[in-house]
């Protein structure tokens, strides 16, 4: 599946143990130049567990009922967890459900910097 940075997709998200997985939403964080060239893409997981967002610089809150989150395609208030990055085969992506706004992606950029320790 062709994806772009900022797309919110459903993907067979692998468990950290490497055994099995679960269909979950994720946001594509890999650069579009790579998305067009390689068969893998880097994604950040999305969870409905939002209790750590306020104190974790690595997480971004998305409210699908608010203006910035309306195009996300998410059903519940969720957190993009930039400390949980995965490389998946594009074939594992089931479908695109929405897109993260430019404002949310700016926050994701900052959260990625915090997660990776870069400035």
PDB file of N, CA and C in Angstrom:
ATOM      1  N   UNK A   1       0.841  -1.179   0.000  1.00  0.00           N
ATOM      2  CA  UNK A   1       0.000   0.000   0.000  1.00  0.00           C
ATOM      3  C   UNK A   1       0.886   1.241   0.000  1.00  0.00           C
ATOM      4  N   UNK A   2       0.568   2.205  -0.831  1.00  0.00           N
ATOM      5  CA  UNK A   2       1.291   3.469  -0.854  1.00  0.00           C
ATOM      6  C   UNK A   2       0.805   4.342   0.291  1.00  0.00           C
ATOM      7  N   UNK A   3       1.739   4.851   1.069  1.00  0.00           N
ATOM      8  CA  UNK A   3       1.396   5.713   2.194  1.00  0.00           C
ATOM      9  C   UNK A   3       2.243   6.972   2.147  1.00  0.00           C
ATOM     10  N   UNK A   4       1.776   7.980   2.858  1.00  0.00           N
ATOM     11  CA  UNK A   4       2.497   9.251   2.984  1.00  0.00           C
ATOM     12  C   UNK A   4       2.704   9.564   4.454  1.00  0.00           C
ATOM     13  N   UNK A   5       3.729  10.345   4.729  1.00  0.00           N
ATOM     14  CA  UNK A   5       3.993  10.772   6.102  1.00  0.00           C
ATOM     15  C   UNK A   5       2.769  11.511   6.627  1.00  0.00           C
ATOM     16  N   UNK A   6       2.325  11.128   7.806  1.00  0.00           N
ATOM     17  CA  UNK A   6       1.148  11.736   8.417  1.00  0.00           C
ATOM     18  C   UNK A   6      -0.126  10.939   8.222  1.00  0.00           C
ATOM     19  N   UNK A   7      -0.097   9.952   7.325  1.00  0.00           N
ATOM     20  CA  UNK A   7      -1.270   9.089   7.168  1.00  0.00           C
ATOM     21  C   UNK A   7      -1.499   8.299   8.442  1.00  0.00           C
ATOM     22  N   UNK A   8      -2.749   8.183   8.823  1.00  0.00           N
ATOM     23  CA  UNK A   8      -3.106   7.311   9.942  1.00  0.00           C
ATOM     24  C   UNK A   8      -3.691   6.054   9.318  1.00  0.00           C
ATOM     25  N   UNK A   9      -3.089   4.929   9.690  1.00  0.00           N
ATOM     26  CA  UNK A   9      -3.394   3.663   9.050  1.00  0.00           C
ATOM     27  C   UNK A   9      -3.751   2.604  10.089  1.00  0.00           C
ATOM     28  N   UNK A  10      -4.400   1.552   9.625  1.00  0.00           N
ATOM     29  CA  UNK A  10      -4.586   0.362  10.448  1.00  0.00           C
ATOM     30  C   UNK A  10      -3.544  -0.645  10.002  1.00  0.00           C
ATOM     31  N   UNK A  11      -2.865  -1.222  10.970  1.00  0.00           N
ATOM     32  CA  UNK A  11      -1.759  -2.127  10.665  1.00  0.00           C
ATOM     33  C   UNK A  11      -1.757  -3.284  11.656  1.00  0.00           C
ATOM     34  N   UNK A  12      -1.324  -4.422  11.170  1.00  0.00           N
ATOM     35  CA  UNK A  12      -1.127  -5.571  12.054  1.00  0.00           C
ATOM     36  C   UNK A  12       0.105  -5.258  12.900  1.00  0.00           C
ATOM     37  N   UNK A  13      -0.108  -4.576  14.011  1.00  0.00           N
ATOM     38  CA  UNK A  13       0.962  -4.069  14.864  1.00  0.00           C
ATOM     39  C   UNK A  13       1.578  -5.220  15.640  1.00  0.00           C
ATOM     40  N   UNK A  14       2.867  -5.440  15.513  1.00  0.00           N
ATOM     41  CA  UNK A  14       3.494  -6.571  16.205  1.00  0.00           C
ATOM     42  C   UNK A  14       3.601  -6.326  17.710  1.00  0.00           C
ATOM     43  N   UNK A  15       3.426  -7.390  18.486  1.00  0.00           N
ATOM     44  CA  UNK A  15       3.687  -7.305  19.916  1.00  0.00           C
ATOM     45  C   UNK A  15       5.194  -7.180  20.109  1.00  0.00           C
ATOM     46  N   UNK A  16       5.624  -6.542  21.184  1.00  0.00           N
ATOM     47  CA  UNK A  16       7.054  -6.321  21.400  1.00  0.00           C
ATOM     48  C   UNK A  16       7.821  -7.634  21.544  1.00  0.00           C
ATOM     49  N   UNK A  17       7.136  -8.707  21.910  1.00  0.00           N
ATOM     50  CA  UNK A  17       7.787 -10.009  22.017  1.00  0.00           C
ATOM     51  C   UNK A  17       8.129 -10.592  20.651  1.00  0.00           C
ATOM     52  N   UNK A  18       7.515 -10.020  19.594  1.00  0.00           N
ATOM     53  CA  UNK A  18       7.737 -10.527  18.253  1.00  0.00           C
ATOM     54  C   UNK A  18       6.775 -11.633  17.866  1.00  0.00           C
ATOM     55  N   UNK A  19       5.991 -12.104  18.820  1.00  0.00           N
ATOM     56  CA  UNK A  19       5.025 -13.168  18.554  1.00  0.00           C
ATOM     57  C   UNK A  19       3.639 -12.570  18.407  1.00  0.00           C
ATOM     58  N   UNK A  20       3.082 -12.687  17.224  1.00  0.00           N
ATOM     59  CA  UNK A  20       1.714 -12.225  17.005  1.00  0.00           C
ATOM     60  C   UNK A  20       1.606 -10.717  16.909  1.00  0.00           C
ATOM     61  N   UNK A  21       0.387 -10.253  16.924  1.00  0.00           N
ATOM     62  CA  UNK A  21       0.129  -8.832  16.833  1.00  0.00           C
ATOM     63  C   UNK A  21      -1.353  -8.554  16.925  1.00  0.00           C
ATOM     64  N   UNK A  22      -1.715  -7.318  16.721  1.00  0.00           N
ATOM     65  CA  UNK A  22      -3.098  -6.895  16.836  1.00  0.00           C
ATOM     66  C   UNK A  22      -3.327  -5.757  15.849  1.00  0.00           C
ATOM     67  N   UNK A  23      -4.493  -5.724  15.225  1.00  0.00           N
ATOM     68  CA  UNK A  23      -4.815  -4.641  14.306  1.00  0.00           C
ATOM     69  C   UNK A  23      -5.021  -3.370  15.104  1.00  0.00           C
ATOM     70  N   UNK A  24      -4.174  -2.355  14.837  1.00  0.00           N
ATOM     71  CA  UNK A  24      -4.190  -1.118  15.615  1.00  0.00           C
ATOM     72  C   UNK A  24      -3.922   0.063  14.694  1.00  0.00           C
ATOM     73  N   UNK A  25      -4.319   1.258  15.130  1.00  0.00           N
ATOM     74  CA  UNK A  25      -3.969   2.444  14.349  1.00  0.00           C
ATOM     75  C   UNK A  25      -2.518   2.855  14.610  1.00  0.00           C
ATOM     76  N   UNK A  26      -1.939   3.497  13.618  1.00  0.00           N
ATOM     77  CA  UNK A  26      -0.572   4.012  13.717  1.00  0.00           C
ATOM     78  C   UNK A  26      -0.459   5.186  12.753  1.00  0.00           C
ATOM     79  N   UNK A  27       0.547   6.024  12.989  1.00  0.00           N
ATOM     80  CA  UNK A  27       0.798   7.143  12.075  1.00  0.00           C
ATOM     81  C   UNK A  27       2.126   6.894  11.367  1.00  0.00           C
ATOM     82  N   UNK A  28       2.143   7.151  10.076  1.00  0.00           N
ATOM     83  CA  UNK A  28       3.360   6.996   9.280  1.00  0.00           C
ATOM     84  C   UNK A  28       4.281   8.174   9.592  1.00  0.00           C
ATOM     85  N   UNK A  29       5.508   7.876  10.040  1.00  0.00           N
ATOM     86  CA  UNK A  29       6.462   8.934  10.375  1.00  0.00           C
ATOM     87  C   UNK A  29       7.668   8.946   9.438  1.00  0.00           C
ATOM     88  N   UNK A  30       7.759   7.968   8.575  1.00  0.00           N
ATOM     89  CA  UNK A  30       8.868   7.903   7.621  1.00  0.00           C
ATOM     90  C   UNK A  30       8.700   8.955   6.524  1.00  0.00           C
ATOM     91  N   UNK A  31       9.804   9.468   6.030  1.00  0.00           N
ATOM     92  CA  UNK A  31       9.812  10.481   4.971  1.00  0.00           C
ATOM     93  C   UNK A  31       9.190   9.927   3.691  1.00  0.00           C
ATOM     94  N   UNK A  32       8.483  10.786   2.972  1.00  0.00           N
ATOM     95  CA  UNK A  32       7.814  10.375   1.743  1.00  0.00           C
ATOM     96  C   UNK A  32       8.775   9.849   0.687  1.00  0.00           C
ATOM     97  N   UNK A  33       9.979  10.385   0.617  1.00  0.00           N
ATOM     98  CA  UNK A  33      10.959   9.899  -0.363  1.00  0.00           C
ATOM     99  C   UNK A  33      11.247   8.415  -0.132  1.00  0.00           C
ATOM    100  N   UNK A  34      11.336   8.013   1.119  1.00  0.00           N
ATOM    101  CA  UNK A  34      11.562   6.601   1.430  1.00  0.00           C
ATOM    102  C   UNK A  34      10.294   5.784   1.231  1.00  0.00           C
ATOM    103  N   UNK A  35       9.138   6.351   1.577  1.00  0.00           N
ATOM    104  CA  UNK A  35       7.878   5.627   1.381  1.00  0.00           C
ATOM    105  C   UNK A  35       7.681   5.259  -0.081  1.00  0.00           C
ATOM    106  N   UNK A  36       8.142   6.107  -0.979  1.00  0.00           N
ATOM    107  CA  UNK A  36       7.994   5.853  -2.414  1.00  0.00           C
ATOM    108  C   UNK A  36       9.015   4.846  -2.938  1.00  0.00           C
ATOM    109  N   UNK A  37      10.118   4.666  -2.214  1.00  0.00           N
ATOM    110  CA  UNK A  37      11.237   3.883  -2.731  1.00  0.00           C
ATOM    111  C   UNK A  37      11.385   2.494  -2.123  1.00  0.00           C
ATOM    112  N   UNK A  38      10.996   2.325  -0.873  1.00  0.00           N
ATOM    113  CA  UNK A  38      11.217   1.043  -0.187  1.00  0.00           C
ATOM    114  C   UNK A  38       9.885   0.385   0.166  1.00  0.00           C
ATOM    115  N   UNK A  39       9.931  -0.909   0.448  1.00  0.00           N
ATOM    116  CA  UNK A  39       8.700  -1.641   0.752  1.00  0.00           C
ATOM    117  C   UNK A  39       8.352  -1.651   2.234  1.00  0.00           C
ATOM    118  N   UNK A  40       9.210  -1.077   3.067  1.00  0.00           N
ATOM    119  CA  UNK A  40       8.948  -0.953   4.498  1.00  0.00           C
ATOM    120  C   UNK A  40       8.642   0.499   4.825  1.00  0.00           C
ATOM    121  N   UNK A  41       7.946   0.707   5.943  1.00  0.00           N
ATOM    122  CA  UNK A  41       7.719   2.069   6.412  1.00  0.00           C
ATOM    123  C   UNK A  41       7.805   2.107   7.927  1.00  0.00           C
ATOM    124  N   UNK A  42       8.203   3.242   8.456  1.00  0.00           N
ATOM    125  CA  UNK A  42       8.314   3.420   9.900  1.00  0.00           C
ATOM    126  C   UNK A  42       7.035   4.076  10.398  1.00  0.00           C
ATOM    127  N   UNK A  43       6.470   3.485  11.450  1.00  0.00           N
ATOM    128  CA  UNK A  43       5.226   3.987  12.021  1.00  0.00           C
ATOM    129  C   UNK A  43       5.382   4.190  13.520  1.00  0.00           C
ATOM    130  N   UNK A  44       4.542   5.060  14.074  1.00  0.00           N
ATOM    131  CA  UNK A  44       4.448   5.248  15.522  1.00  0.00           C
ATOM    132  C   UNK A  44       3.080   4.756  15.947  1.00  0.00           C
ATOM    133  N   UNK A  45       3.049   3.995  17.007  1.00  0.00           N
ATOM    134  CA  UNK A  45       1.805   3.427  17.491  1.00  0.00           C
ATOM    135  C   UNK A  45       0.858   4.473  18.043  1.00  0.00           C
ATOM    136  N   UNK A  46      -0.422   4.145  18.008  1.00  0.00           N
ATOM    137  CA  UNK A  46      -1.465   4.995  18.582  1.00  0.00           C
ATOM    138  C   UNK A  46      -2.243   4.148  19.571  1.00  0.00           C
ATOM    139  N   UNK A  47      -2.485   4.693  20.759  1.00  0.00           N
ATOM    140  CA  UNK A  47      -3.186   3.974  21.813  1.00  0.00           C
ATOM    141  C   UNK A  47      -4.266   4.860  22.430  1.00  0.00           C
ATOM    142  N   UNK A  48      -5.262   4.224  23.036  1.00  0.00           N
ATOM    143  CA  UNK A  48      -6.282   4.991  23.759  1.00  0.00           C
ATOM    144  C   UNK A  48      -5.873   5.227  25.207  1.00  0.00           C
ATOM    145  N   UNK A  49      -4.736   4.693  25.609  1.00  0.00           N
ATOM    146  CA  UNK A  49      -4.203   4.954  26.949  1.00  0.00           C
ATOM    147  C   UNK A  49      -3.525   6.324  26.920  1.00  0.00           C
ATOM    148  N   UNK A  50      -4.191   7.326  27.469  1.00  0.00           N
ATOM    149  CA  UNK A  50      -3.702   8.708  27.355  1.00  0.00           C
ATOM    150  C   UNK A  50      -3.194   9.288  28.670  1.00  0.00           C
ATOM    151  N   UNK A  51      -3.152   8.484  29.735  1.00  0.00           N
ATOM    152  CA  UNK A  51      -2.789   9.028  31.048  1.00  0.00           C
ATOM    153  C   UNK A  51      -1.355   9.541  31.135  1.00  0.00           C
ATOM    154  N   UNK A  52      -0.459   9.106  30.230  1.00  0.00           N
ATOM    155  CA  UNK A  52       0.937   9.544  30.288  1.00  0.00           C
ATOM    156  C   UNK A  52       1.238  10.748  29.401  1.00  0.00           C
ATOM    157  N   UNK A  53       0.284  11.173  28.584  1.00  0.00           N
ATOM    158  CA  UNK A  53       0.539  12.239  27.612  1.00  0.00           C
ATOM    159  C   UNK A  53       1.021  13.521  28.283  1.00  0.00           C
ATOM    160  N   UNK A  54       0.412  13.915  29.378  1.00  0.00           N
ATOM    161  CA  UNK A  54       0.739  15.188  30.032  1.00  0.00           C
ATOM    162  C   UNK A  54       2.174  15.222  30.548  1.00  0.00           C
ATOM    163  N   UNK A  55       2.717  14.073  30.918  1.00  0.00           N
ATOM    164  CA  UNK A  55       4.069  14.073  31.493  1.00  0.00           C
ATOM    165  C   UNK A  55       5.120  13.425  30.589  1.00  0.00           C
ATOM    166  N   UNK A  56       4.710  12.991  29.407  1.00  0.00           N
ATOM    167  CA  UNK A  56       5.650  12.337  28.490  1.00  0.00           C
ATOM    168  C   UNK A  56       5.843  13.191  27.245  1.00  0.00           C
ATOM    169  N   UNK A  57       7.038  13.701  27.067  1.00  0.00           N
ATOM    170  CA  UNK A  57       7.348  14.528  25.894  1.00  0.00           C
ATOM    171  C   UNK A  57       7.352  13.708  24.616  1.00  0.00           C
ATOM    172  N   UNK A  58       7.244  12.385  24.750  1.00  0.00           N
ATOM    173  CA  UNK A  58       7.289  11.497  23.600  1.00  0.00           C
ATOM    174  C   UNK A  58       5.908  11.128  23.075  1.00  0.00           C
ATOM    175  N   UNK A  59       4.854  11.714  23.653  1.00  0.00           N
ATOM    176  CA  UNK A  59       3.495  11.378  23.250  1.00  0.00           C
ATOM    177  C   UNK A  59       2.715  12.613  22.825  1.00  0.00           C
ATOM    178  N   UNK A  60       1.784  12.406  21.894  1.00  0.00           N
ATOM    179  CA  UNK A  60       0.971  13.495  21.350  1.00  0.00           C
ATOM    180  C   UNK A  60      -0.492  13.104  21.465  1.00  0.00           C
ATOM    181  N   UNK A  61      -1.284  13.961  22.072  1.00  0.00           N
ATOM    182  CA  UNK A  61      -2.713  13.717  22.228  1.00  0.00           C
ATOM    183  C   UNK A  61      -3.450  14.067  20.942  1.00  0.00           C
ATOM    184  N   UNK A  62      -4.380  13.193  20.546  1.00  0.00           N
ATOM    185  CA  UNK A  62      -5.230  13.440  19.380  1.00  0.00           C
ATOM    186  C   UNK A  62      -6.677  13.279  19.826  1.00  0.00           C
ATOM    187  N   UNK A  63      -7.453  14.348  19.691  1.00  0.00           N
ATOM    188  CA  UNK A  63      -8.876  14.317  20.030  1.00  0.00           C
ATOM    189  C   UNK A  63      -9.677  14.374  18.731  1.00  0.00           C
ATOM    190  N   UNK A  64     -10.287  13.262  18.337  1.00  0.00           N
ATOM    191  CA  UNK A  64     -11.002  13.245  17.059  1.00  0.00           C
ATOM    192  C   UNK A  64     -12.260  14.105  17.043  1.00  0.00           C
ATOM    193  N   UNK A  65     -12.680  14.597  18.208  1.00  0.00           N
ATOM    194  CA  UNK A  65     -13.860  15.468  18.262  1.00  0.00           C
ATOM    195  C   UNK A  65     -13.482  16.934  18.144  1.00  0.00           C
ATOM    196  N   UNK A  66     -12.182  17.220  18.180  1.00  0.00           N
ATOM    197  CA  UNK A  66     -11.697  18.604  18.083  1.00  0.00           C
ATOM    198  C   UNK A  66     -11.205  18.876  16.667  1.00  0.00           C
ATOM    199  N   UNK A  67     -11.073  20.143  16.323  1.00  0.00           N
ATOM    200  CA  UNK A  67     -10.683  20.557  14.977  1.00  0.00           C
ATOM    201  C   UNK A  67      -9.449  19.879  14.443  1.00  0.00           C
ATOM    202  N   UNK A  68      -8.353  19.871  15.208  1.00  0.00           N
ATOM    203  CA  UNK A  68      -7.086  19.318  14.730  1.00  0.00           C
ATOM    204  C   UNK A  68      -7.139  17.804  14.548  1.00  0.00           C
ATOM    205  N   UNK A  69      -7.982  17.134  15.301  1.00  0.00           N
ATOM    206  CA  UNK A  69      -8.037  15.677  15.219  1.00  0.00           C
ATOM    207  C   UNK A  69      -9.166  15.141  14.364  1.00  0.00           C
ATOM    208  N   UNK A  70      -9.982  16.037  13.812  1.00  0.00           N
ATOM    209  CA  UNK A  70     -11.185  15.614  13.086  1.00  0.00           C
ATOM    210  C   UNK A  70     -10.886  14.740  11.877  1.00  0.00           C
ATOM    211  N   UNK A  71      -9.790  14.970  11.193  1.00  0.00           N
ATOM    212  CA  UNK A  71      -9.471  14.200   9.985  1.00  0.00           C
ATOM    213  C   UNK A  71      -8.685  12.924  10.287  1.00  0.00           C
ATOM    214  N   UNK A  72      -8.458  12.646  11.576  1.00  0.00           N
ATOM    215  CA  UNK A  72      -7.617  11.508  11.955  1.00  0.00           C
ATOM    216  C   UNK A  72      -8.249  10.156  11.657  1.00  0.00           C
ATOM    217  N   UNK A  73      -9.574  10.098  11.641  1.00  0.00           N
ATOM    218  CA  UNK A  73     -10.244   8.817  11.455  1.00  0.00           C
ATOM    219  C   UNK A  73     -10.297   7.982  12.716  1.00  0.00           C
ATOM    220  N   UNK A  74      -9.741   8.513  13.802  1.00  0.00           N
ATOM    221  CA  UNK A  74      -9.761   7.785  15.069  1.00  0.00           C
ATOM    222  C   UNK A  74     -11.149   7.886  15.696  1.00  0.00           C
ATOM    223  N   UNK A  75     -11.510   6.892  16.483  1.00  0.00           N
ATOM    224  CA  UNK A  75     -12.826   6.858  17.105  1.00  0.00           C
ATOM    225  C   UNK A  75     -12.818   7.396  18.526  1.00  0.00           C
ATOM    226  N   UNK A  76     -11.650   7.404  19.155  1.00  0.00           N
ATOM    227  CA  UNK A  76     -11.539   7.802  20.560  1.00  0.00           C
ATOM    228  C   UNK A  76     -10.357   8.748  20.743  1.00  0.00           C
ATOM    229  N   UNK A  77     -10.383   9.512  21.827  1.00  0.00           N
ATOM    230  CA  UNK A  77      -9.219  10.318  22.196  1.00  0.00           C
ATOM    231  C   UNK A  77      -8.052   9.348  22.364  1.00  0.00           C
ATOM    232  N   UNK A  78      -6.938   9.658  21.728  1.00  0.00           N
ATOM    233  CA  UNK A  78      -5.818   8.717  21.667  1.00  0.00           C
ATOM    234  C   UNK A  78      -4.491   9.442  21.823  1.00  0.00           C
ATOM    235  N   UNK A  79      -3.441   8.659  21.982  1.00  0.00           N
ATOM    236  CA  UNK A  79      -2.086   9.190  22.077  1.00  0.00           C
ATOM    237  C   UNK A  79      -1.206   8.539  21.020  1.00  0.00           C
ATOM    238  N   UNK A  80      -0.493   9.376  20.277  1.00  0.00           N
ATOM    239  CA  UNK A  80       0.544   8.871  19.378  1.00  0.00           C
ATOM    240  C   UNK A  80       1.775   8.668  20.245  1.00  0.00           C
ATOM    241  N   UNK A  81       2.287   7.455  20.276  1.00  0.00           N
ATOM    242  CA  UNK A  81       3.391   7.112  21.172  1.00  0.00           C
ATOM    243  C   UNK A  81       4.689   7.007  20.372  1.00  0.00           C
ATOM    244  N   UNK A  82       5.413   8.102  20.344  1.00  0.00           N
ATOM    245  CA  UNK A  82       6.638   8.159  19.537  1.00  0.00           C
ATOM    246  C   UNK A  82       7.789   7.378  20.147  1.00  0.00           C
ATOM    247  N   UNK A  83       7.625   6.880  21.353  1.00  0.00           N
ATOM    248  CA  UNK A  83       8.638   5.996  21.925  1.00  0.00           C
ATOM    249  C   UNK A  83       8.437   4.565  21.448  1.00  0.00           C
ATOM    250  N   UNK A  84       7.331   4.300  20.745  1.00  0.00           N
ATOM    251  CA  UNK A  84       7.052   2.983  20.183  1.00  0.00           C
ATOM    252  C   UNK A  84       7.033   3.076  18.663  1.00  0.00           C
ATOM    253  N   UNK A  85       8.219   2.987  18.081  1.00  0.00           N
ATOM    254  CA  UNK A  85       8.356   3.039  16.626  1.00  0.00           C
ATOM    255  C   UNK A  85       8.570   1.631  16.097  1.00  0.00           C
ATOM    256  N   UNK A  86       7.981   1.379  14.939  1.00  0.00           N
ATOM    257  CA  UNK A  86       8.116   0.074  14.316  1.00  0.00           C
ATOM    258  C   UNK A  86       8.357   0.251  12.833  1.00  0.00           C
ATOM    259  N   UNK A  87       9.126  -0.667  12.264  1.00  0.00           N
ATOM    260  CA  UNK A  87       9.267  -0.759  10.818  1.00  0.00           C
ATOM    261  C   UNK A  87       8.434  -1.950  10.385  1.00  0.00           C
ATOM    262  N   UNK A  88       7.486  -1.694   9.494  1.00  0.00           N
ATOM    263  CA  UNK A  88       6.606  -2.760   9.019  1.00  0.00           C
ATOM    264  C   UNK A  88       6.637  -2.816   7.498  1.00  0.00           C
ATOM    265  N   UNK A  89       6.363  -3.969   6.965  1.00  0.00           N
ATOM    266  CA  UNK A  89       6.202  -4.100   5.523  1.00  0.00           C
ATOM    267  C   UNK A  89       4.917  -3.380   5.136  1.00  0.00           C
ATOM    268  N   UNK A  90       4.959  -2.671   4.037  1.00  0.00           N
ATOM    269  CA  UNK A  90       3.773  -1.945   3.583  1.00  0.00           C
ATOM    270  C   UNK A  90       2.580  -2.877   3.411  1.00  0.00           C
ATOM    271  N   UNK A  91       2.831  -4.136   3.105  1.00  0.00           N
ATOM    272  CA  UNK A  91       1.755  -5.118   2.929  1.00  0.00           C
ATOM    273  C   UNK A  91       1.000  -5.379   4.229  1.00  0.00           C
ATOM    274  N   UNK A  92       1.623  -5.076   5.388  1.00  0.00           N
ATOM    275  CA  UNK A  92       0.957  -5.261   6.673  1.00  0.00           C
ATOM    276  C   UNK A  92      -0.071  -4.166   6.943  1.00  0.00           C
ATOM    277  N   UNK A  93      -0.011  -3.080   6.198  1.00  0.00           N
ATOM    278  CA  UNK A  93      -0.960  -1.979   6.393  1.00  0.00           C
ATOM    279  C   UNK A  93      -2.276  -2.362   5.731  1.00  0.00           C
ATOM    280  N   UNK A  94      -3.324  -2.416   6.532  1.00  0.00           N
ATOM    281  CA  UNK A  94      -4.629  -2.836   6.044  1.00  0.00           C
ATOM    282  C   UNK A  94      -5.286  -1.742   5.222  1.00  0.00           C
ATOM    283  N   UNK A  95      -5.322  -0.520   5.780  1.00  0.00           N
ATOM    284  CA  UNK A  95      -5.929   0.598   5.057  1.00  0.00           C
ATOM    285  C   UNK A  95      -5.628   1.908   5.766  1.00  0.00           C
ATOM    286  N   UNK A  96      -5.791   2.977   5.028  1.00  0.00           N
ATOM    287  CA  UNK A  96      -5.656   4.325   5.573  1.00  0.00           C
ATOM    288  C   UNK A  96      -7.015   4.725   6.148  1.00  0.00           C
ATOM    289  N   UNK A  97      -7.006   5.253   7.383  1.00  0.00           N
ATOM    290  CA  UNK A  97      -8.276   5.675   7.989  1.00  0.00           C
ATOM    291  C   UNK A  97      -8.383   7.192   8.115  1.00  0.00           C
ATOM    292  N   UNK A  98      -7.269   7.892   7.986  1.00  0.00           N
ATOM    293  CA  UNK A  98      -7.303   9.340   8.119  1.00  0.00           C
ATOM    294  C   UNK A  98      -5.926   9.929   7.938  1.00  0.00           C
ATOM    295  N   UNK A  99      -5.805  11.183   8.377  1.00  0.00           N
ATOM    296  CA  UNK A  99      -4.536  11.887   8.254  1.00  0.00           C
ATOM    297  C   UNK A  99      -4.355  12.792   9.465  1.00  0.00           C
ATOM    298  N   UNK A 100      -3.127  12.889   9.920  1.00  0.00           N
ATOM    299  CA  UNK A 100      -2.799  13.805  11.019  1.00  0.00           C
ATOM    300  C   UNK A 100      -2.631  15.203  10.442  1.00  0.00           C
ATOM    301  N   UNK A 101      -3.187  16.179  11.114  1.00  0.00           N
ATOM    302  CA  UNK A 101      -3.079  17.573  10.648  1.00  0.00           C
ATOM    303  C   UNK A 101      -1.625  18.037  10.717  1.00  0.00           C
ATOM    304  N   UNK A 102      -1.346  19.135  10.041  1.00  0.00           N
ATOM    305  CA  UNK A 102       0.001  19.712  10.061  1.00  0.00           C
ATOM    306  C   UNK A 102       0.413  20.053  11.490  1.00  0.00           C
ATOM    307  N   UNK A 103      -0.518  20.558  12.273  1.00  0.00           N
ATOM    308  CA  UNK A 103      -0.228  20.909  13.660  1.00  0.00           C
ATOM    309  C   UNK A 103       0.121  19.674  14.489  1.00  0.00           C
ATOM    310  N   UNK A 104      -0.617  18.610  14.297  1.00  0.00           N
ATOM    311  CA  UNK A 104      -0.319  17.373  15.024  1.00  0.00           C
ATOM    312  C   UNK A 104       1.039  16.831  14.588  1.00  0.00           C
ATOM    313  N   UNK A 105       1.343  16.904  13.296  1.00  0.00           N
ATOM    314  CA  UNK A 105       2.634  16.399  12.828  1.00  0.00           C
ATOM    315  C   UNK A 105       3.801  17.231  13.358  1.00  0.00           C
ATOM    316  N   UNK A 106       3.600  18.530  13.563  1.00  0.00           N
ATOM    317  CA  UNK A 106       4.650  19.336  14.203  1.00  0.00           C
ATOM    318  C   UNK A 106       4.908  18.841  15.622  1.00  0.00           C
ATOM    319  N   UNK A 107       3.841  18.492  16.332  1.00  0.00           N
ATOM    320  CA  UNK A 107       3.984  17.934  17.682  1.00  0.00           C
ATOM    321  C   UNK A 107       4.654  16.565  17.628  1.00  0.00           C
ATOM    322  N   UNK A 108       4.304  15.769  16.621  1.00  0.00           N
ATOM    323  CA  UNK A 108       4.943  14.461  16.443  1.00  0.00           C
ATOM    324  C   UNK A 108       6.442  14.642  16.203  1.00  0.00           C
ATOM    325  N   UNK A 109       6.819  15.622  15.390  1.00  0.00           N
ATOM    326  CA  UNK A 109       8.244  15.896  15.153  1.00  0.00           C
ATOM    327  C   UNK A 109       8.976  16.146  16.464  1.00  0.00           C
ATOM    328  N   UNK A 110       8.385  16.957  17.338  1.00  0.00           N
ATOM    329  CA  UNK A 110       9.006  17.257  18.639  1.00  0.00           C
ATOM    330  C   UNK A 110       9.060  16.011  19.520  1.00  0.00           C
ATOM    331  N   UNK A 111       7.999  15.212  19.488  1.00  0.00           N
ATOM    332  CA  UNK A 111       7.962  13.979  20.280  1.00  0.00           C
ATOM    333  C   UNK A 111       8.998  12.977  19.777  1.00  0.00           C
ATOM    334  N   UNK A 112       9.192  12.912  18.472  1.00  0.00           N
ATOM    335  CA  UNK A 112      10.226  12.037  17.915  1.00  0.00           C
ATOM    336  C   UNK A 112      11.615  12.490  18.360  1.00  0.00           C
ATOM    337  N   UNK A 113      11.838  13.797  18.361  1.00  0.00           N
ATOM    338  CA  UNK A 113      13.129  14.318  18.831  1.00  0.00           C
ATOM    339  C   UNK A 113      13.381  13.898  20.283  1.00  0.00           C
ATOM    340  N   UNK A 114      12.340  14.016  21.110  1.00  0.00           N
ATOM    341  CA  UNK A 114      12.470  13.623  22.517  1.00  0.00           C
ATOM    342  C   UNK A 114      12.722  12.122  22.655  1.00  0.00           C
ATOM    343  N   UNK A 115      12.023  11.339  21.855  1.00  0.00           N
ATOM    344  CA  UNK A 115      12.175   9.876  21.944  1.00  0.00           C
ATOM    345  C   UNK A 115      13.545   9.416  21.468  1.00  0.00           C
ATOM    346  N   UNK A 116      14.085  10.084  20.456  1.00  0.00           N
ATOM    347  CA  UNK A 116      15.353   9.672  19.870  1.00  0.00           C
ATOM    348  C   UNK A 116      16.561  10.420  20.419  1.00  0.00           C
ATOM    349  N   UNK A 117      16.301  11.435  21.241  1.00  0.00           N
ATOM    350  CA  UNK A 117      17.405  12.194  21.836  1.00  0.00           C
ATOM    351  C   UNK A 117      18.141  13.060  20.837  1.00  0.00           C
ATOM    352  N   UNK A 118      17.417  13.597  19.845  1.00  0.00           N
ATOM    353  CA  UNK A 118      18.048  14.484  18.869  1.00  0.00           C
ATOM    354  C   UNK A 118      17.471  15.876  19.006  1.00  0.00           C
ATOM    355  N   UNK A 119      18.223  16.866  18.534  1.00  0.00           N
ATOM    356  CA  UNK A 119      17.733  18.254  18.638  1.00  0.00           C
ATOM    357  C   UNK A 119      17.430  18.827  17.294  1.00  0.00           C
TER     358      UNK A 119
END
